[in-house]
């Protein structure tokens, strides 16, 4: 399973976005005050910066979640065990198995229609986690995306 985690663990784009957020949103005076109080760099980061960084953490987390959720090629290339295939590969296999076939019998046509309904139901259910998570992160997402925008 590490083949899914390690290659996408750090994205240069997300590092640049986080760095620009920290430079523009966290005042340097907080760091000076933390040093006077005796906090180390790690303590300053954990106790001061992370609580103030909810927006950027939510945005980067959503980017990573959607990226890994929609990752098709990694599972196709590296995973050989069918029980460990990611969701996108399983959906692709379901779509290929249930392709339309030319039928002449009404019973076979009904069976194909039922298989298609099950297939579409699985696709809808597979999108539910994204549909559930996004509304809760939307306020952070809108705020975090505007971090790099030009301010007037």
N, C-alpha and C. Protein backbone atom coordinates (compact mmCIF):
# COMPACT_ATOMS: atom_id res chain seq x y z
N UNK A 1 0.81 -1.20 0.00
CA UNK A 1 0.00 0.00 0.00
C UNK A 1 0.85 1.27 0.00
N UNK A 2 2.14 1.13 0.32
CA UNK A 2 3.01 2.29 0.34
C UNK A 2 3.20 2.89 -1.04
N UNK A 3 2.91 2.13 -2.09
CA UNK A 3 3.05 2.65 -3.44
C UNK A 3 2.04 3.78 -3.68
N UNK A 4 0.96 3.82 -2.92
CA UNK A 4 -0.01 4.89 -3.05
C UNK A 4 0.38 6.11 -2.22
N UNK A 5 1.05 5.87 -1.10
CA UNK A 5 1.33 6.95 -0.16
C UNK A 5 2.61 7.70 -0.49
N UNK A 6 3.71 7.00 -0.66
CA UNK A 6 5.01 7.65 -0.78
C UNK A 6 5.19 8.53 -2.02
N UNK A 7 4.82 8.08 -3.24
CA UNK A 7 5.06 8.95 -4.39
C UNK A 7 4.29 10.27 -4.34
N UNK A 8 3.13 10.27 -3.74
CA UNK A 8 2.34 11.51 -3.68
C UNK A 8 2.37 12.16 -2.32
N UNK A 9 3.35 11.81 -1.48
CA UNK A 9 3.38 12.34 -0.12
C UNK A 9 3.63 13.83 -0.09
N UNK A 10 4.49 14.32 -0.96
CA UNK A 10 4.80 15.75 -0.99
C UNK A 10 4.66 16.24 -2.43
N UNK A 11 3.82 17.22 -2.60
CA UNK A 11 3.64 17.85 -3.90
C UNK A 11 4.30 19.22 -3.86
N UNK A 12 5.08 19.52 -4.87
CA UNK A 12 5.79 20.80 -4.92
C UNK A 12 4.78 21.96 -4.95
N UNK A 13 3.71 21.79 -5.69
CA UNK A 13 2.68 22.82 -5.76
C UNK A 13 2.11 23.11 -4.37
N UNK A 14 1.80 22.06 -3.62
CA UNK A 14 1.23 22.26 -2.28
C UNK A 14 2.24 22.87 -1.32
N UNK A 15 3.50 22.55 -1.47
CA UNK A 15 4.53 23.16 -0.63
C UNK A 15 4.62 24.65 -0.93
N UNK A 16 4.54 25.04 -2.19
CA UNK A 16 4.60 26.46 -2.56
C UNK A 16 3.38 27.19 -2.02
N UNK A 17 2.20 26.59 -2.13
CA UNK A 17 0.99 27.21 -1.61
C UNK A 17 1.07 27.37 -0.09
N UNK A 18 1.53 26.33 0.60
CA UNK A 18 1.64 26.40 2.06
C UNK A 18 2.68 27.44 2.47
N UNK A 19 3.79 27.50 1.77
CA UNK A 19 4.84 28.47 2.11
C UNK A 19 4.32 29.89 1.92
N UNK A 20 3.64 30.14 0.83
CA UNK A 20 3.11 31.50 0.62
C UNK A 20 2.05 31.84 1.67
N UNK A 21 1.28 30.85 2.11
CA UNK A 21 0.31 31.08 3.17
C UNK A 21 1.01 31.46 4.47
N UNK A 22 2.04 30.70 4.83
CA UNK A 22 2.74 30.97 6.07
C UNK A 22 3.44 32.33 6.03
N UNK A 23 3.99 32.71 4.91
CA UNK A 23 4.68 34.00 4.80
C UNK A 23 3.74 35.18 4.85
N UNK A 24 2.55 35.05 4.27
CA UNK A 24 1.64 36.18 4.20
C UNK A 24 0.66 36.25 5.36
N UNK A 25 0.31 35.11 5.97
CA UNK A 25 -0.75 35.10 6.97
C UNK A 25 -0.26 35.04 8.41
N UNK A 26 0.92 34.51 8.64
CA UNK A 26 1.44 34.39 10.00
C UNK A 26 2.44 35.53 10.22
N UNK A 27 2.14 36.45 11.12
CA UNK A 27 3.07 37.57 11.33
C UNK A 27 4.37 37.11 11.99
N UNK A 28 5.45 37.78 11.63
CA UNK A 28 6.77 37.47 12.19
C UNK A 28 6.83 37.81 13.68
N UNK A 29 5.98 38.73 14.12
CA UNK A 29 5.96 39.11 15.53
C UNK A 29 5.59 37.93 16.42
N UNK A 30 4.75 37.03 15.92
CA UNK A 30 4.41 35.85 16.71
C UNK A 30 5.62 34.96 16.94
N UNK A 31 6.47 34.85 15.94
CA UNK A 31 7.69 34.05 16.08
C UNK A 31 8.64 34.69 17.08
N UNK A 32 8.76 36.01 17.02
CA UNK A 32 9.62 36.71 17.97
C UNK A 32 9.11 36.54 19.40
N UNK A 33 7.81 36.65 19.58
CA UNK A 33 7.22 36.48 20.91
C UNK A 33 7.41 35.05 21.41
N UNK A 34 7.30 34.08 20.51
CA UNK A 34 7.50 32.68 20.90
C UNK A 34 8.94 32.43 21.30
N UNK A 35 9.89 33.04 20.59
CA UNK A 35 11.30 32.88 20.95
C UNK A 35 11.59 33.50 22.32
N UNK A 36 10.99 34.63 22.59
CA UNK A 36 11.18 35.28 23.89
C UNK A 36 10.63 34.40 25.00
N UNK A 37 9.50 33.74 24.72
CA UNK A 37 8.88 32.84 25.71
C UNK A 37 9.61 31.51 25.81
N UNK A 38 10.58 31.27 24.95
CA UNK A 38 11.39 30.06 25.05
C UNK A 38 10.91 28.89 24.21
N UNK A 39 10.03 29.12 23.25
CA UNK A 39 9.56 28.04 22.38
C UNK A 39 10.60 27.73 21.30
N UNK A 40 10.78 26.46 21.00
CA UNK A 40 11.65 26.06 19.90
C UNK A 40 10.89 26.25 18.59
N UNK A 41 11.56 26.01 17.46
CA UNK A 41 10.89 26.12 16.17
C UNK A 41 9.74 25.12 16.07
N UNK A 42 9.97 23.91 16.54
CA UNK A 42 8.92 22.90 16.49
C UNK A 42 7.74 23.29 17.39
N UNK A 43 8.03 23.78 18.59
CA UNK A 43 6.97 24.22 19.49
C UNK A 43 6.19 25.39 18.91
N UNK A 44 6.89 26.32 18.27
CA UNK A 44 6.23 27.45 17.62
C UNK A 44 5.30 26.95 16.51
N UNK A 45 5.80 26.00 15.74
CA UNK A 45 4.99 25.47 14.65
C UNK A 45 3.75 24.75 15.17
N UNK A 46 3.93 23.90 16.19
CA UNK A 46 2.81 23.09 16.69
C UNK A 46 1.81 23.94 17.48
N UNK A 47 2.29 24.83 18.32
CA UNK A 47 1.40 25.56 19.22
C UNK A 47 0.83 26.85 18.65
N UNK A 48 1.49 27.44 17.68
CA UNK A 48 1.03 28.72 17.16
C UNK A 48 0.62 28.64 15.69
N UNK A 49 1.49 28.10 14.84
CA UNK A 49 1.23 28.13 13.41
C UNK A 49 0.12 27.16 13.01
N UNK A 50 0.16 25.93 13.48
CA UNK A 50 -0.87 24.96 13.08
C UNK A 50 -2.29 25.38 13.47
N UNK A 51 -2.52 25.89 14.68
CA UNK A 51 -3.89 26.34 14.98
C UNK A 51 -4.37 27.49 14.09
N UNK A 52 -3.45 28.30 13.60
CA UNK A 52 -3.83 29.41 12.72
C UNK A 52 -3.92 29.00 11.25
N UNK A 53 -3.59 27.76 10.94
CA UNK A 53 -3.50 27.30 9.55
C UNK A 53 -4.61 26.34 9.16
N UNK A 54 -5.77 26.47 9.72
CA UNK A 54 -6.88 25.57 9.39
C UNK A 54 -7.26 25.59 7.93
N UNK A 55 -7.24 26.79 7.32
CA UNK A 55 -7.66 26.91 5.92
C UNK A 55 -6.71 26.17 4.99
N UNK A 56 -5.43 26.38 5.17
CA UNK A 56 -4.48 25.76 4.24
C UNK A 56 -4.40 24.26 4.45
N UNK A 57 -4.54 23.81 5.68
CA UNK A 57 -4.53 22.37 5.94
C UNK A 57 -5.74 21.71 5.30
N UNK A 58 -6.90 22.36 5.39
CA UNK A 58 -8.11 21.81 4.76
C UNK A 58 -7.98 21.76 3.24
N UNK A 59 -7.42 22.81 2.65
CA UNK A 59 -7.28 22.86 1.19
C UNK A 59 -6.31 21.80 0.71
N UNK A 60 -5.15 21.71 1.35
CA UNK A 60 -4.16 20.72 0.92
C UNK A 60 -4.67 19.31 1.18
N UNK A 61 -5.36 19.10 2.29
CA UNK A 61 -5.94 17.79 2.56
C UNK A 61 -6.97 17.40 1.52
N UNK A 62 -7.80 18.36 1.10
CA UNK A 62 -8.79 18.07 0.06
C UNK A 62 -8.11 17.77 -1.27
N UNK A 63 -7.07 18.52 -1.62
CA UNK A 63 -6.33 18.24 -2.85
C UNK A 63 -5.74 16.83 -2.84
N UNK A 64 -5.12 16.45 -1.73
CA UNK A 64 -4.53 15.12 -1.63
C UNK A 64 -5.60 14.04 -1.67
N UNK A 65 -6.72 14.26 -0.96
CA UNK A 65 -7.78 13.27 -0.93
C UNK A 65 -8.35 13.03 -2.32
N UNK A 66 -8.66 14.10 -3.03
CA UNK A 66 -9.23 13.96 -4.37
C UNK A 66 -8.20 13.34 -5.32
N UNK A 67 -6.94 13.73 -5.18
CA UNK A 67 -5.90 13.17 -6.04
C UNK A 67 -5.72 11.69 -5.85
N UNK A 68 -5.71 11.24 -4.61
CA UNK A 68 -5.56 9.81 -4.35
C UNK A 68 -6.85 9.05 -4.62
N UNK A 69 -7.98 9.70 -4.43
CA UNK A 69 -9.27 9.05 -4.69
C UNK A 69 -9.41 8.76 -6.18
N UNK A 70 -8.94 9.66 -7.02
CA UNK A 70 -9.07 9.51 -8.47
C UNK A 70 -7.86 8.87 -9.12
N UNK A 71 -6.91 8.38 -8.34
CA UNK A 71 -5.68 7.80 -8.89
C UNK A 71 -5.99 6.45 -9.53
N UNK A 72 -5.81 6.39 -10.82
CA UNK A 72 -6.10 5.18 -11.58
C UNK A 72 -4.82 4.46 -12.00
N UNK A 73 -3.85 5.22 -12.46
CA UNK A 73 -2.65 4.61 -13.05
C UNK A 73 -1.77 3.90 -12.02
N UNK A 74 -1.68 4.41 -10.80
CA UNK A 74 -0.83 3.77 -9.80
C UNK A 74 -1.31 2.36 -9.51
N UNK A 75 -2.59 2.19 -9.32
CA UNK A 75 -3.14 0.86 -9.09
C UNK A 75 -2.99 -0.04 -10.29
N UNK A 76 -3.13 0.52 -11.46
CA UNK A 76 -3.02 -0.26 -12.69
C UNK A 76 -1.60 -0.76 -12.90
N UNK A 77 -0.62 0.05 -12.58
CA UNK A 77 0.77 -0.31 -12.84
C UNK A 77 1.35 -1.19 -11.74
N UNK A 78 1.13 -0.83 -10.48
CA UNK A 78 1.87 -1.46 -9.39
C UNK A 78 1.14 -2.57 -8.63
N UNK A 79 -0.18 -2.56 -8.61
CA UNK A 79 -0.92 -3.52 -7.80
C UNK A 79 -1.33 -4.70 -8.67
N UNK A 80 -0.90 -5.91 -8.28
CA UNK A 80 -1.25 -7.10 -9.04
C UNK A 80 -2.32 -7.93 -8.33
N UNK A 81 -2.48 -7.74 -7.04
CA UNK A 81 -3.48 -8.50 -6.27
C UNK A 81 -4.85 -7.84 -6.45
N UNK A 82 -5.82 -8.63 -6.92
CA UNK A 82 -7.15 -8.07 -7.18
C UNK A 82 -7.86 -7.60 -5.91
N UNK A 83 -7.50 -8.13 -4.77
CA UNK A 83 -8.16 -7.71 -3.52
C UNK A 83 -7.65 -6.36 -3.04
N UNK A 84 -6.55 -5.87 -3.57
CA UNK A 84 -5.97 -4.59 -3.14
C UNK A 84 -6.11 -3.49 -4.20
N UNK A 85 -6.88 -3.73 -5.22
CA UNK A 85 -7.07 -2.74 -6.26
C UNK A 85 -7.80 -1.52 -5.70
N UNK A 86 -7.40 -0.31 -6.11
CA UNK A 86 -8.13 0.88 -5.65
C UNK A 86 -9.49 0.98 -6.33
N UNK A 87 -10.30 1.88 -5.82
CA UNK A 87 -11.69 2.01 -6.26
C UNK A 87 -11.80 2.28 -7.75
N UNK A 88 -10.96 3.14 -8.28
CA UNK A 88 -11.07 3.50 -9.69
C UNK A 88 -10.81 2.30 -10.61
N UNK A 89 -9.91 1.43 -10.22
CA UNK A 89 -9.64 0.24 -11.03
C UNK A 89 -10.80 -0.75 -10.94
N UNK A 90 -11.40 -0.86 -9.76
CA UNK A 90 -12.56 -1.75 -9.61
C UNK A 90 -13.73 -1.22 -10.44
N UNK A 91 -13.95 0.08 -10.43
CA UNK A 91 -15.02 0.66 -11.24
C UNK A 91 -14.77 0.43 -12.73
N UNK A 92 -13.53 0.56 -13.15
CA UNK A 92 -13.20 0.33 -14.56
C UNK A 92 -13.47 -1.11 -14.95
N UNK A 93 -13.13 -2.06 -14.06
CA UNK A 93 -13.40 -3.47 -14.34
C UNK A 93 -14.90 -3.73 -14.41
N UNK A 94 -15.68 -3.10 -13.52
CA UNK A 94 -17.13 -3.26 -13.57
C UNK A 94 -17.71 -2.72 -14.87
N UNK A 95 -17.20 -1.60 -15.32
CA UNK A 95 -17.69 -1.03 -16.57
C UNK A 95 -17.35 -1.90 -17.77
N UNK A 96 -16.18 -2.52 -17.77
CA UNK A 96 -15.80 -3.38 -18.89
C UNK A 96 -16.58 -4.69 -18.88
N UNK A 97 -16.85 -5.23 -17.71
CA UNK A 97 -17.56 -6.50 -17.61
C UNK A 97 -18.99 -6.34 -18.08
N UNK A 98 -19.61 -5.22 -17.77
CA UNK A 98 -21.03 -5.03 -18.07
C UNK A 98 -21.26 -4.19 -19.32
N UNK A 99 -20.42 -4.34 -20.33
CA UNK A 99 -20.64 -3.59 -21.56
C UNK A 99 -21.88 -4.13 -22.27
N UNK A 100 -22.47 -3.26 -23.07
CA UNK A 100 -23.67 -3.65 -23.81
C UNK A 100 -23.35 -4.77 -24.79
N UNK A 101 -24.22 -5.74 -24.81
CA UNK A 101 -24.12 -6.82 -25.79
C UNK A 101 -25.41 -6.84 -26.59
N UNK A 102 -25.32 -7.24 -27.81
CA UNK A 102 -26.53 -7.31 -28.63
C UNK A 102 -27.38 -8.50 -28.18
N UNK A 103 -28.61 -8.22 -27.83
CA UNK A 103 -29.50 -9.26 -27.31
C UNK A 103 -30.75 -9.33 -28.16
N UNK A 104 -31.26 -10.52 -28.26
CA UNK A 104 -32.51 -10.72 -28.98
C UNK A 104 -33.63 -11.16 -28.05
N UNK A 105 -33.29 -11.67 -26.91
CA UNK A 105 -34.29 -12.15 -25.97
C UNK A 105 -34.65 -11.04 -24.99
N UNK A 106 -35.90 -10.98 -24.60
CA UNK A 106 -36.35 -9.96 -23.65
C UNK A 106 -35.76 -10.23 -22.27
N UNK A 107 -35.62 -11.47 -21.88
CA UNK A 107 -35.05 -11.80 -20.58
C UNK A 107 -33.61 -11.37 -20.45
N UNK A 108 -32.85 -11.53 -21.51
CA UNK A 108 -31.46 -11.11 -21.48
C UNK A 108 -31.37 -9.59 -21.45
N UNK A 109 -32.28 -8.91 -22.13
CA UNK A 109 -32.30 -7.45 -22.14
C UNK A 109 -32.61 -6.92 -20.74
N UNK A 110 -33.56 -7.59 -20.04
CA UNK A 110 -33.86 -7.18 -18.67
C UNK A 110 -32.69 -7.42 -17.74
N UNK A 111 -31.98 -8.52 -17.94
CA UNK A 111 -30.81 -8.80 -17.12
C UNK A 111 -29.73 -7.75 -17.36
N UNK A 112 -29.56 -7.35 -18.62
CA UNK A 112 -28.57 -6.31 -18.93
C UNK A 112 -28.97 -4.97 -18.32
N UNK A 113 -30.26 -4.65 -18.35
CA UNK A 113 -30.75 -3.41 -17.75
C UNK A 113 -30.52 -3.41 -16.25
N UNK A 114 -30.76 -4.54 -15.61
CA UNK A 114 -30.52 -4.66 -14.17
C UNK A 114 -29.04 -4.53 -13.84
N UNK A 115 -28.19 -5.13 -14.67
CA UNK A 115 -26.74 -5.02 -14.46
C UNK A 115 -26.29 -3.58 -14.63
N UNK A 116 -26.86 -2.87 -15.61
CA UNK A 116 -26.51 -1.47 -15.80
C UNK A 116 -26.96 -0.62 -14.62
N UNK A 117 -28.12 -0.90 -14.08
CA UNK A 117 -28.60 -0.14 -12.91
C UNK A 117 -27.70 -0.37 -11.70
N UNK A 118 -27.26 -1.60 -11.51
CA UNK A 118 -26.33 -1.89 -10.41
C UNK A 118 -25.01 -1.17 -10.63
N UNK A 119 -24.54 -1.18 -11.86
CA UNK A 119 -23.28 -0.51 -12.21
C UNK A 119 -23.38 0.99 -11.92
N UNK A 120 -24.45 1.62 -12.34
CA UNK A 120 -24.61 3.06 -12.12
C UNK A 120 -24.80 3.36 -10.63
N UNK A 121 -25.47 2.49 -9.92
CA UNK A 121 -25.61 2.67 -8.48
C UNK A 121 -24.27 2.61 -7.76
N UNK A 122 -23.41 1.70 -8.19
CA UNK A 122 -22.07 1.59 -7.58
C UNK A 122 -21.26 2.86 -7.86
N UNK A 123 -21.39 3.40 -9.04
CA UNK A 123 -20.67 4.63 -9.38
C UNK A 123 -21.16 5.79 -8.52
N UNK A 124 -22.45 5.90 -8.32
CA UNK A 124 -23.01 6.97 -7.49
C UNK A 124 -22.55 6.81 -6.04
N UNK A 125 -22.59 5.59 -5.52
CA UNK A 125 -22.17 5.35 -4.14
C UNK A 125 -20.68 5.63 -3.97
N UNK A 126 -19.89 5.37 -4.99
CA UNK A 126 -18.45 5.61 -4.88
C UNK A 126 -18.11 7.09 -4.84
N UNK A 127 -19.00 7.96 -5.29
CA UNK A 127 -18.75 9.40 -5.22
C UNK A 127 -19.24 10.02 -3.92
N UNK A 128 -19.96 9.27 -3.10
CA UNK A 128 -20.53 9.83 -1.87
C UNK A 128 -19.50 10.39 -0.89
N UNK A 129 -18.36 9.73 -0.65
CA UNK A 129 -17.41 10.34 0.29
C UNK A 129 -16.96 11.74 -0.11
N UNK A 130 -16.74 11.98 -1.39
CA UNK A 130 -16.38 13.33 -1.83
C UNK A 130 -17.53 14.30 -1.64
N UNK A 131 -18.73 13.84 -1.92
CA UNK A 131 -19.90 14.70 -1.77
C UNK A 131 -20.18 15.02 -0.30
N UNK A 132 -19.80 14.13 0.59
CA UNK A 132 -20.01 14.36 2.02
C UNK A 132 -18.92 15.26 2.59
N UNK A 133 -17.69 15.08 2.18
CA UNK A 133 -16.57 15.84 2.75
C UNK A 133 -16.54 17.28 2.24
N UNK A 134 -16.83 17.49 0.99
CA UNK A 134 -16.65 18.82 0.40
C UNK A 134 -17.46 19.92 1.08
N UNK A 135 -18.74 19.74 1.40
CA UNK A 135 -19.46 20.85 2.04
C UNK A 135 -18.86 21.30 3.37
N UNK A 136 -18.25 20.38 4.11
CA UNK A 136 -17.64 20.77 5.37
C UNK A 136 -16.34 21.52 5.17
N UNK A 137 -15.65 21.27 4.06
CA UNK A 137 -14.37 21.92 3.79
C UNK A 137 -14.51 23.12 2.85
N UNK A 138 -15.71 23.39 2.38
CA UNK A 138 -15.89 24.43 1.38
C UNK A 138 -15.49 25.81 1.89
N UNK A 139 -15.82 26.14 3.12
CA UNK A 139 -15.46 27.47 3.63
C UNK A 139 -13.94 27.62 3.70
N UNK A 140 -13.23 26.55 4.08
CA UNK A 140 -11.77 26.60 4.10
C UNK A 140 -11.22 26.60 2.69
N UNK A 141 -11.87 25.87 1.81
CA UNK A 141 -11.40 25.77 0.43
C UNK A 141 -11.46 27.13 -0.25
N UNK A 142 -12.56 27.84 -0.10
CA UNK A 142 -12.69 29.16 -0.71
C UNK A 142 -11.66 30.13 -0.13
N UNK A 143 -11.45 30.07 1.18
CA UNK A 143 -10.48 30.96 1.81
C UNK A 143 -9.05 30.59 1.38
N UNK A 144 -8.74 29.30 1.34
CA UNK A 144 -7.40 28.85 1.01
C UNK A 144 -7.03 29.08 -0.44
N UNK A 145 -7.98 28.98 -1.35
CA UNK A 145 -7.68 29.19 -2.77
C UNK A 145 -7.38 30.66 -3.02
N UNK A 146 -7.99 31.55 -2.26
CA UNK A 146 -7.79 32.98 -2.45
C UNK A 146 -6.49 33.48 -1.82
N UNK A 147 -5.73 32.61 -1.17
CA UNK A 147 -4.50 33.03 -0.50
C UNK A 147 -3.52 33.65 -1.50
N UNK A 148 -3.34 33.02 -2.63
CA UNK A 148 -2.37 33.53 -3.60
C UNK A 148 -2.93 34.58 -4.54
N UNK A 149 -4.19 34.96 -4.37
CA UNK A 149 -4.81 35.91 -5.29
C UNK A 149 -4.29 37.33 -5.02
N UNK A 150 -4.47 38.18 -6.00
CA UNK A 150 -4.06 39.57 -5.86
C UNK A 150 -5.05 40.26 -4.92
N UNK A 151 -4.51 40.95 -3.95
CA UNK A 151 -5.37 41.64 -2.99
C UNK A 151 -5.41 43.11 -3.33
N UNK A 152 -6.61 43.69 -3.27
CA UNK A 152 -6.76 45.07 -3.68
C UNK A 152 -6.85 46.06 -2.59
